[in-house]
């Protein structure tokens, strides 16, 4: 049975302790341990039915409990996460709060979420090139890539490969995903240039 009393993300403050959210996971990334054998931490961006977004995290000591429950693009009832202040210099969403999963947090699948599927925060292209966006404000862009270059490999001072990039500054696996997509989808090219939606 679905919980009756749902708290919206915009209603949360640091005084909230016991409450239930109804949200969709629009982004989920797993931070791996140094040997890349286990998940060290899970970072997420959640959106509620009003379109409000918040950053959420499953810390290392609770990964074993929640890792198999959570998936990107799925919706959940999340009971009793811990509300904290988001003090990060670079925030992925405009929200002064963040959520941490803790021992009393409960997660249940929701099949009736009617909010936004992706949670885009789109900005006008002219606003971006004129630099009229407040500093450290996250935005999404939909556009066309007119030119791209091969991946460059960066070596550490010890001679070990550290990072790879494309000129649009996509790092590691994101750079490889981009190049693979462009290489494997020639039908999306026009005049020998790839057409790509960047979000």
C-alpha atoms as a PDB file:
ATOM      1  CA  UNK A   1       0.000   0.000   0.000  1.00  0.00           C
ATOM      2  CA  UNK A   2       1.277   3.452  -0.921  1.00  0.00           C
ATOM      3  CA  UNK A   3       2.040   5.830   1.970  1.00  0.00           C
ATOM      4  CA  UNK A   4      -0.655   8.481   2.491  1.00  0.00           C
ATOM      5  CA  UNK A   5       1.432  11.410   3.689  1.00  0.00           C
ATOM      6  CA  UNK A   6       4.037  12.387   1.118  1.00  0.00           C
ATOM      7  CA  UNK A   7       6.493  15.206   1.825  1.00  0.00           C
ATOM      8  CA  UNK A   8       7.620  17.249  -1.176  1.00  0.00           C
ATOM      9  CA  UNK A   9      11.310  18.049  -1.580  1.00  0.00           C
ATOM     10  CA  UNK A  10      10.557  21.761  -1.480  1.00  0.00           C
ATOM     11  CA  UNK A  11       9.045  21.342   2.002  1.00  0.00           C
ATOM     12  CA  UNK A  12      12.146  19.762   3.520  1.00  0.00           C
ATOM     13  CA  UNK A  13      14.390  21.516   5.992  1.00  0.00           C
ATOM     14  CA  UNK A  14      16.983  20.384   8.509  1.00  0.00           C
ATOM     15  CA  UNK A  15      14.323  19.869  11.202  1.00  0.00           C
ATOM     16  CA  UNK A  16      12.595  17.032   9.305  1.00  0.00           C
ATOM     17  CA  UNK A  17      13.239  13.599  10.799  1.00  0.00           C
ATOM     18  CA  UNK A  18      10.468  11.114   9.966  1.00  0.00           C
ATOM     19  CA  UNK A  19       8.876  11.606   6.555  1.00  0.00           C
ATOM     20  CA  UNK A  20       8.226   9.867   3.241  1.00  0.00           C
ATOM     21  CA  UNK A  21       9.276  11.046  -0.214  1.00  0.00           C
ATOM     22  CA  UNK A  22       7.904   9.948  -3.566  1.00  0.00           C
ATOM     23  CA  UNK A  23      10.704  10.450  -6.088  1.00  0.00           C
ATOM     24  CA  UNK A  24      12.296   9.288  -9.304  1.00  0.00           C
ATOM     25  CA  UNK A  25      16.027   8.565  -9.587  1.00  0.00           C
ATOM     26  CA  UNK A  26      17.087  10.602 -12.617  1.00  0.00           C
ATOM     27  CA  UNK A  27      20.810  10.011 -12.153  1.00  0.00           C
ATOM     28  CA  UNK A  28      22.674   7.301 -10.262  1.00  0.00           C
ATOM     29  CA  UNK A  29      26.431   6.848 -10.168  1.00  0.00           C
ATOM     30  CA  UNK A  30      28.477   4.355  -8.193  1.00  0.00           C
ATOM     31  CA  UNK A  31      31.858   5.347  -6.798  1.00  0.00           C
ATOM     32  CA  UNK A  32      34.080   2.268  -6.746  1.00  0.00           C
ATOM     33  CA  UNK A  33      36.786   1.293  -4.297  1.00  0.00           C
ATOM     34  CA  UNK A  34      40.391   1.808  -5.374  1.00  0.00           C
ATOM     35  CA  UNK A  35      40.660  -1.751  -6.707  1.00  0.00           C
ATOM     36  CA  UNK A  36      37.307  -1.266  -8.531  1.00  0.00           C
ATOM     37  CA  UNK A  37      35.910  -4.478  -7.052  1.00  0.00           C
ATOM     38  CA  UNK A  38      33.222  -3.005  -4.801  1.00  0.00           C
ATOM     39  CA  UNK A  39      30.918  -0.003  -4.664  1.00  0.00           C
ATOM     40  CA  UNK A  40      32.195   2.523  -2.145  1.00  0.00           C
ATOM     41  CA  UNK A  41      29.336   5.051  -2.395  1.00  0.00           C
ATOM     42  CA  UNK A  42      26.180   5.676  -4.403  1.00  0.00           C
ATOM     43  CA  UNK A  43      25.359   9.229  -5.528  1.00  0.00           C
ATOM     44  CA  UNK A  44      21.943  10.114  -6.915  1.00  0.00           C
ATOM     45  CA  UNK A  45      19.829  12.983  -8.129  1.00  0.00           C
ATOM     46  CA  UNK A  46      16.169  12.618  -7.182  1.00  0.00           C
ATOM     47  CA  UNK A  47      13.175  14.535  -8.532  1.00  0.00           C
ATOM     48  CA  UNK A  48       9.689  14.722  -7.024  1.00  0.00           C
ATOM     49  CA  UNK A  49       6.347  15.154  -8.764  1.00  0.00           C
ATOM     50  CA  UNK A  50       6.646  18.960  -8.652  1.00  0.00           C
ATOM     51  CA  UNK A  51      10.005  18.847 -10.447  1.00  0.00           C
ATOM     52  CA  UNK A  52      12.102  19.789  -7.416  1.00  0.00           C
ATOM     53  CA  UNK A  53      15.466  18.020  -7.376  1.00  0.00           C
ATOM     54  CA  UNK A  54      17.872  17.057  -4.607  1.00  0.00           C
ATOM     55  CA  UNK A  55      21.204  15.293  -4.344  1.00  0.00           C
ATOM     56  CA  UNK A  56      21.178  12.065  -2.343  1.00  0.00           C
ATOM     57  CA  UNK A  57      23.876   9.685  -1.199  1.00  0.00           C
ATOM     58  CA  UNK A  58      24.189   6.159   0.122  1.00  0.00           C
ATOM     59  CA  UNK A  59      27.380   6.204   2.235  1.00  0.00           C
ATOM     60  CA  UNK A  60      29.797   3.279   2.135  1.00  0.00           C
ATOM     61  CA  UNK A  61      28.568   1.547   5.295  1.00  0.00           C
ATOM     62  CA  UNK A  62      25.015   1.212   3.911  1.00  0.00           C
ATOM     63  CA  UNK A  63      25.803   0.351   0.277  1.00  0.00           C
ATOM     64  CA  UNK A  64      25.298  -3.372   0.947  1.00  0.00           C
ATOM     65  CA  UNK A  65      21.738  -2.667   2.060  1.00  0.00           C
ATOM     66  CA  UNK A  66      20.553  -0.386  -0.758  1.00  0.00           C
ATOM     67  CA  UNK A  67      22.670  -1.137  -3.834  1.00  0.00           C
ATOM     68  CA  UNK A  68      20.383  -3.809  -5.295  1.00  0.00           C
ATOM     69  CA  UNK A  69      17.224  -1.820  -4.513  1.00  0.00           C
ATOM     70  CA  UNK A  70      18.090   1.353  -6.421  1.00  0.00           C
ATOM     71  CA  UNK A  71      18.226   1.920 -10.171  1.00  0.00           C
ATOM     72  CA  UNK A  72      18.350   4.931 -12.453  1.00  0.00           C
ATOM     73  CA  UNK A  73      15.014   5.920 -14.069  1.00  0.00           C
ATOM     74  CA  UNK A  74      12.985   4.094 -11.414  1.00  0.00           C
ATOM     75  CA  UNK A  75      10.578   5.626  -8.888  1.00  0.00           C
ATOM     76  CA  UNK A  76      10.464   4.969  -5.156  1.00  0.00           C
ATOM     77  CA  UNK A  77       8.940   5.828  -1.820  1.00  0.00           C
ATOM     78  CA  UNK A  78      11.864   6.706   0.430  1.00  0.00           C
ATOM     79  CA  UNK A  79      11.119   6.838   4.127  1.00  0.00           C
ATOM     80  CA  UNK A  80      13.257   8.625   6.682  1.00  0.00           C
ATOM     81  CA  UNK A  81      16.441   9.621   4.901  1.00  0.00           C
ATOM     82  CA  UNK A  82      18.558  12.109   6.809  1.00  0.00           C
ATOM     83  CA  UNK A  83      18.349  15.756   5.692  1.00  0.00           C
ATOM     84  CA  UNK A  84      21.597  17.699   5.719  1.00  0.00           C
ATOM     85  CA  UNK A  85      22.977  20.939   4.359  1.00  0.00           C
ATOM     86  CA  UNK A  86      24.554  20.712   0.909  1.00  0.00           C
ATOM     87  CA  UNK A  87      27.831  22.562   1.436  1.00  0.00           C
ATOM     88  CA  UNK A  88      29.527  21.389  -1.778  1.00  0.00           C
ATOM     89  CA  UNK A  89      31.174  24.125  -3.836  1.00  0.00           C
ATOM     90  CA  UNK A  90      29.727  22.714  -7.048  1.00  0.00           C
ATOM     91  CA  UNK A  91      26.153  21.525  -6.726  1.00  0.00           C
ATOM     92  CA  UNK A  92      24.484  19.391  -9.386  1.00  0.00           C
ATOM     93  CA  UNK A  93      21.031  20.791  -8.575  1.00  0.00           C
ATOM     94  CA  UNK A  94      19.771  24.027  -7.095  1.00  0.00           C
ATOM     95  CA  UNK A  95      18.903  22.896  -3.593  1.00  0.00           C
ATOM     96  CA  UNK A  96      20.534  23.853  -0.293  1.00  0.00           C
ATOM     97  CA  UNK A  97      19.655  20.450   1.182  1.00  0.00           C
ATOM     98  CA  UNK A  98      20.971  16.966   0.494  1.00  0.00           C
ATOM     99  CA  UNK A  99      19.778  13.528   1.608  1.00  0.00           C
ATOM    100  CA  UNK A 100      21.765  10.700   3.181  1.00  0.00           C
ATOM    101  CA  UNK A 101      20.482   7.160   3.524  1.00  0.00           C
ATOM    102  CA  UNK A 102      20.828   5.868   7.087  1.00  0.00           C
ATOM    103  CA  UNK A 103      19.876   2.788   9.186  1.00  0.00           C
ATOM    104  CA  UNK A 104      16.196   3.749   9.465  1.00  0.00           C
ATOM    105  CA  UNK A 105      15.781   4.604   5.757  1.00  0.00           C
ATOM    106  CA  UNK A 106      13.280   2.375   3.930  1.00  0.00           C
ATOM    107  CA  UNK A 107      12.938   2.077   0.136  1.00  0.00           C
ATOM    108  CA  UNK A 108       9.812   0.797  -1.652  1.00  0.00           C
ATOM    109  CA  UNK A 109       9.134   0.764  -5.394  1.00  0.00           C
ATOM    110  CA  UNK A 110       6.527   3.264  -6.630  1.00  0.00           C
ATOM    111  CA  UNK A 111       4.446   2.483  -9.716  1.00  0.00           C
ATOM    112  CA  UNK A 112       2.367   5.660  -9.800  1.00  0.00           C
ATOM    113  CA  UNK A 113       4.957   8.468 -10.064  1.00  0.00           C
ATOM    114  CA  UNK A 114       3.578  11.225 -12.340  1.00  0.00           C
ATOM    115  CA  UNK A 115       6.391  13.773 -12.174  1.00  0.00           C
ATOM    116  CA  UNK A 116       9.051  14.644 -14.757  1.00  0.00           C
ATOM    117  CA  UNK A 117      11.019  11.782 -16.259  1.00  0.00           C
ATOM    118  CA  UNK A 118      14.335  13.572 -16.702  1.00  0.00           C
ATOM    119  CA  UNK A 119      14.428  16.743 -14.626  1.00  0.00           C
ATOM    120  CA  UNK A 120      16.140  18.926 -17.218  1.00  0.00           C
ATOM    121  CA  UNK A 121      17.104  22.508 -16.307  1.00  0.00           C
ATOM    122  CA  UNK A 122      17.390  23.984 -19.787  1.00  0.00           C
ATOM    123  CA  UNK A 123      18.941  27.373 -20.512  1.00  0.00           C
ATOM    124  CA  UNK A 124      18.753  29.520 -23.635  1.00  0.00           C
ATOM    125  CA  UNK A 125      21.925  29.289 -25.759  1.00  0.00           C
ATOM    126  CA  UNK A 126      22.306  33.065 -25.897  1.00  0.00           C
ATOM    127  CA  UNK A 127      22.191  33.253 -22.101  1.00  0.00           C
ATOM    128  CA  UNK A 128      25.036  30.768 -21.903  1.00  0.00           C
ATOM    129  CA  UNK A 129      27.358  32.392 -24.458  1.00  0.00           C
ATOM    130  CA  UNK A 130      26.763  35.816 -22.898  1.00  0.00           C
ATOM    131  CA  UNK A 131      27.705  34.337 -19.509  1.00  0.00           C
ATOM    132  CA  UNK A 132      24.473  35.504 -17.867  1.00  0.00           C
ATOM    133  CA  UNK A 133      24.036  32.409 -15.729  1.00  0.00           C
ATOM    134  CA  UNK A 134      24.831  32.789 -12.017  1.00  0.00           C
ATOM    135  CA  UNK A 135      28.117  31.165 -11.040  1.00  0.00           C
ATOM    136  CA  UNK A 136      27.943  27.486  -9.998  1.00  0.00           C
ATOM    137  CA  UNK A 137      24.424  27.097 -11.401  1.00  0.00           C
ATOM    138  CA  UNK A 138      23.881  23.727 -13.135  1.00  0.00           C
ATOM    139  CA  UNK A 139      22.233  23.808 -16.574  1.00  0.00           C
ATOM    140  CA  UNK A 140      21.414  21.339 -19.345  1.00  0.00           C
ATOM    141  CA  UNK A 141      21.988  22.067 -23.019  1.00  0.00           C
ATOM    142  CA  UNK A 142      20.466  20.485 -26.114  1.00  0.00           C
ATOM    143  CA  UNK A 143      22.480  21.253 -29.206  1.00  0.00           C
ATOM    144  CA  UNK A 144      24.613  19.958 -32.061  1.00  0.00           C
ATOM    145  CA  UNK A 145      28.246  18.954 -32.003  1.00  0.00           C
ATOM    146  CA  UNK A 146      29.797  20.446 -35.134  1.00  0.00           C
ATOM    147  CA  UNK A 147      33.264  18.965 -34.765  1.00  0.00           C
ATOM    148  CA  UNK A 148      34.983  16.460 -32.553  1.00  0.00           C
ATOM    149  CA  UNK A 149      38.558  15.257 -32.156  1.00  0.00           C
ATOM    150  CA  UNK A 150      40.086  11.903 -31.194  1.00  0.00           C
ATOM    151  CA  UNK A 151      40.429  11.059 -27.515  1.00  0.00           C
ATOM    152  CA  UNK A 152      43.593  12.381 -25.900  1.00  0.00           C
ATOM    153  CA  UNK A 153      45.258  10.273 -23.228  1.00  0.00           C
ATOM    154  CA  UNK A 154      46.873  11.993 -20.254  1.00  0.00           C
ATOM    155  CA  UNK A 155      49.719  10.287 -18.421  1.00  0.00           C
ATOM    156  CA  UNK A 156      50.654  10.783 -14.786  1.00  0.00           C
ATOM    157  CA  UNK A 157      54.208  11.670 -13.800  1.00  0.00           C
ATOM    158  CA  UNK A 158      54.702   7.958 -13.073  1.00  0.00           C
ATOM    159  CA  UNK A 159      53.853   7.038 -16.655  1.00  0.00           C
ATOM    160  CA  UNK A 160      50.401   5.654 -15.830  1.00  0.00           C
ATOM    161  CA  UNK A 161      47.326   6.537 -17.884  1.00  0.00           C
ATOM    162  CA  UNK A 162      45.182   8.809 -15.733  1.00  0.00           C
ATOM    163  CA  UNK A 163      42.446  10.419 -17.834  1.00  0.00           C
ATOM    164  CA  UNK A 164      41.099  10.521 -21.353  1.00  0.00           C
ATOM    165  CA  UNK A 165      39.153  13.392 -22.831  1.00  0.00           C
ATOM    166  CA  UNK A 166      37.309  14.725 -25.859  1.00  0.00           C
ATOM    167  CA  UNK A 167      37.507  18.448 -26.565  1.00  0.00           C
ATOM    168  CA  UNK A 168      34.069  18.970 -24.965  1.00  0.00           C
ATOM    169  CA  UNK A 169      35.705  17.858 -21.726  1.00  0.00           C
ATOM    170  CA  UNK A 170      34.017  14.532 -21.211  1.00  0.00           C
ATOM    171  CA  UNK A 171      36.180  12.413 -18.914  1.00  0.00           C
ATOM    172  CA  UNK A 172      36.854   8.673 -18.690  1.00  0.00           C
ATOM    173  CA  UNK A 173      33.868   6.476 -19.559  1.00  0.00           C
ATOM    174  CA  UNK A 174      31.788   9.458 -20.725  1.00  0.00           C
ATOM    175  CA  UNK A 175      34.399  10.294 -23.354  1.00  0.00           C
ATOM    176  CA  UNK A 176      34.439   6.688 -24.536  1.00  0.00           C
ATOM    177  CA  UNK A 177      30.623   6.527 -24.677  1.00  0.00           C
ATOM    178  CA  UNK A 178      30.556   9.646 -26.843  1.00  0.00           C
ATOM    179  CA  UNK A 179      33.168   8.410 -29.307  1.00  0.00           C
ATOM    180  CA  UNK A 180      31.588   4.946 -29.490  1.00  0.00           C
ATOM    181  CA  UNK A 181      28.176   6.450 -30.211  1.00  0.00           C
ATOM    182  CA  UNK A 182      29.438   8.755 -32.942  1.00  0.00           C
ATOM    183  CA  UNK A 183      31.454   5.914 -34.508  1.00  0.00           C
ATOM    184  CA  UNK A 184      28.570   3.444 -34.441  1.00  0.00           C
ATOM    185  CA  UNK A 185      25.799   5.781 -35.660  1.00  0.00           C
ATOM    186  CA  UNK A 186      26.844   7.147 -39.068  1.00  0.00           C
ATOM    187  CA  UNK A 187      23.193   7.831 -39.939  1.00  0.00           C
ATOM    188  CA  UNK A 188      23.235  10.720 -37.466  1.00  0.00           C
ATOM    189  CA  UNK A 189      26.022  12.506 -39.307  1.00  0.00           C
ATOM    190  CA  UNK A 190      25.371  15.457 -41.617  1.00  0.00           C
ATOM    191  CA  UNK A 191      28.092  16.815 -43.918  1.00  0.00           C
ATOM    192  CA  UNK A 192      30.616  14.519 -42.192  1.00  0.00           C
ATOM    193  CA  UNK A 193      29.884  16.043 -38.784  1.00  0.00           C
ATOM    194  CA  UNK A 194      28.074  14.195 -36.015  1.00  0.00           C
ATOM    195  CA  UNK A 195      24.742  15.537 -34.809  1.00  0.00           C
ATOM    196  CA  UNK A 196      24.527  14.971 -31.078  1.00  0.00           C
ATOM    197  CA  UNK A 197      22.144  16.040 -28.356  1.00  0.00           C
ATOM    198  CA  UNK A 198      24.117  17.056 -25.301  1.00  0.00           C
ATOM    199  CA  UNK A 199      22.240  16.893 -22.017  1.00  0.00           C
END
